[in-house]
Amino acid sequence: NEVRKVQSALAVLQRVAPMLQAPYLMRQHVENGRFSAALKAYRRVLVIDEHCNIELLNHVKDQAAECAREARRELEGRLAQDKITVNALLDAIRDLAELLELDIPRDPKEAEK
């Protein structure tokens, strides 16, 4: 019976592991300029319901939203550059448009200002 409980807990952890890793992966992708990959990782946390009462999942979703806001700032910065290739410009526009469609929650710190 104890073995079954441990196996069940392990199965749950294996199912949610990609979601728990999303903020870390997003940071890596943003730092390396792989915005499409960061967006893909962000989509993993979108399954977390806003009424979720599991603190760990809410924290993961908040961290991923912060990474998404950072990605938006980075992309906006790229669009403002004077010297950017056409392909990089098109990629930045596509990624930013996709990011804006995801309706990232506002930063609570910005709301206080």
Protein backbone atom coordinates (compact mmCIF):
# COMPACT_ATOMS: atom_id res chain seq x y z
CA ASN A 1 0.00 0.00 0.00
CA GLU A 2 2.83 2.44 0.86
CA VAL A 3 4.56 1.53 -2.38
CA ARG A 4 1.41 2.43 -4.32
CA LYS A 5 1.22 5.81 -2.56
CA VAL A 6 4.85 6.56 -3.42
CA GLN A 7 4.32 5.46 -7.02
CA SER A 8 1.24 7.66 -7.27
CA ALA A 9 3.08 10.67 -5.85
CA LEU A 10 5.97 10.07 -8.24
CA ALA A 11 3.57 9.89 -11.19
CA VAL A 12 2.01 13.22 -10.19
CA LEU A 13 5.44 14.84 -9.91
CA GLN A 14 6.46 13.51 -13.31
CA ARG A 15 3.28 14.96 -14.85
CA VAL A 16 3.78 18.43 -13.36
CA ALA A 17 7.59 18.58 -13.73
CA PRO A 18 7.49 20.42 -17.10
CA MET A 19 5.17 23.01 -15.58
CA LEU A 20 7.40 23.48 -12.53
CA GLN A 21 10.45 23.96 -14.77
CA ALA A 22 8.78 26.59 -16.98
CA PRO A 23 10.10 29.75 -15.24
CA TYR A 24 13.66 28.42 -15.22
CA LEU A 25 13.47 27.42 -18.88
CA MET A 26 11.92 30.75 -19.80
CA ARG A 27 14.74 32.67 -18.13
CA GLN A 28 17.31 30.63 -20.03
CA HIS A 29 15.52 31.13 -23.35
CA VAL A 30 15.10 34.89 -22.83
CA GLU A 31 18.77 35.28 -21.85
CA ASN A 32 19.75 33.46 -25.05
CA GLY A 33 17.32 35.36 -27.26
CA ARG A 34 15.09 32.34 -27.93
CA PHE A 35 11.78 34.09 -27.40
CA SER A 36 9.65 31.54 -29.27
CA ALA A 37 10.93 28.83 -26.95
CA ALA A 38 10.22 31.04 -23.93
CA LEU A 39 6.63 31.50 -25.13
CA LYS A 40 6.26 27.76 -25.58
CA ALA A 41 7.41 27.22 -21.99
CA TYR A 42 5.03 29.93 -20.76
CA ARG A 43 2.06 28.15 -22.33
CA ARG A 44 2.70 25.24 -19.97
CA VAL A 45 1.68 27.31 -16.95
CA LEU A 46 -1.48 28.66 -18.56
CA VAL A 47 -3.30 25.51 -17.48
CA ILE A 48 -3.00 26.68 -13.86
CA ASP A 49 -6.44 28.02 -13.01
CA GLU A 50 -6.68 31.46 -11.41
CA HIS A 51 -8.65 29.88 -8.57
CA CYS A 52 -5.95 27.29 -7.88
CA ASN A 53 -5.27 27.03 -4.16
CA ILE A 54 -1.95 25.17 -4.48
CA GLU A 55 0.62 27.74 -3.44
CA LEU A 56 3.51 26.12 -5.33
CA LEU A 57 1.61 26.22 -8.64
CA ASN A 58 0.55 29.83 -8.08
CA HIS A 59 4.17 30.74 -7.38
CA VAL A 60 5.29 29.00 -10.58
CA LYS A 61 2.65 30.88 -12.56
CA ASP A 62 3.73 34.21 -11.02
CA GLN A 63 7.39 33.52 -11.80
CA ALA A 64 6.54 32.55 -15.38
CA ALA A 65 4.50 35.73 -15.80
CA GLU A 66 7.49 37.77 -14.61
CA CYS A 67 9.68 36.00 -17.18
CA ALA A 68 7.08 36.76 -19.86
CA ARG A 69 7.12 40.44 -18.88
CA GLU A 70 10.92 40.40 -19.14
CA ALA A 71 10.66 38.81 -22.59
CA ARG A 72 8.25 41.59 -23.63
CA ARG A 73 10.70 44.25 -22.43
CA GLU A 74 13.56 42.56 -24.29
CA LEU A 75 11.53 42.30 -27.49
CA GLU A 76 10.43 45.94 -27.26
CA GLY A 77 14.08 46.86 -26.83
CA ARG A 78 15.01 44.92 -29.93
CA LEU A 79 12.35 46.70 -31.95
CA ALA A 80 13.81 50.04 -30.82
CA GLN A 81 17.33 49.20 -32.02
CA ASP A 82 18.71 51.14 -34.96
CA LYS A 83 20.74 48.28 -36.38
CA ILE A 84 18.70 45.10 -36.61
CA THR A 85 18.43 42.64 -39.46
CA VAL A 86 15.14 42.26 -41.27
CA ASN A 87 14.79 38.65 -40.11
CA ALA A 88 15.49 39.59 -36.49
CA LEU A 89 12.96 42.41 -36.77
CA LEU A 90 10.29 40.11 -38.21
CA ASP A 91 10.98 37.48 -35.53
CA ALA A 92 10.73 40.10 -32.78
CA ILE A 93 7.44 41.42 -34.18
CA ARG A 94 6.00 37.90 -34.42
CA ASP A 95 7.12 36.93 -30.91
CA LEU A 96 5.91 40.20 -29.38
CA ALA A 97 2.52 39.89 -31.09
CA GLU A 98 2.19 36.33 -29.82
CA LEU A 99 3.20 37.42 -26.33
CA LEU A 100 0.66 40.23 -26.31
CA GLU A 101 -2.08 37.79 -27.37
CA LEU A 102 -1.36 35.71 -24.26
CA ASP A 103 -2.51 38.61 -22.08
CA ILE A 104 0.27 38.43 -19.47
CA PRO A 105 -0.90 39.66 -16.05
CA ARG A 106 0.39 43.08 -15.01
CA ASP A 107 3.25 43.25 -12.54
CA PRO A 108 1.72 43.81 -9.08
CA LYS A 109 4.67 46.13 -8.26
CA GLU A 110 3.84 48.33 -11.28
CA ALA A 111 0.19 48.49 -10.24
CA GLU A 112 1.21 49.99 -6.88
CA LYS A 113 2.94 52.93 -8.58
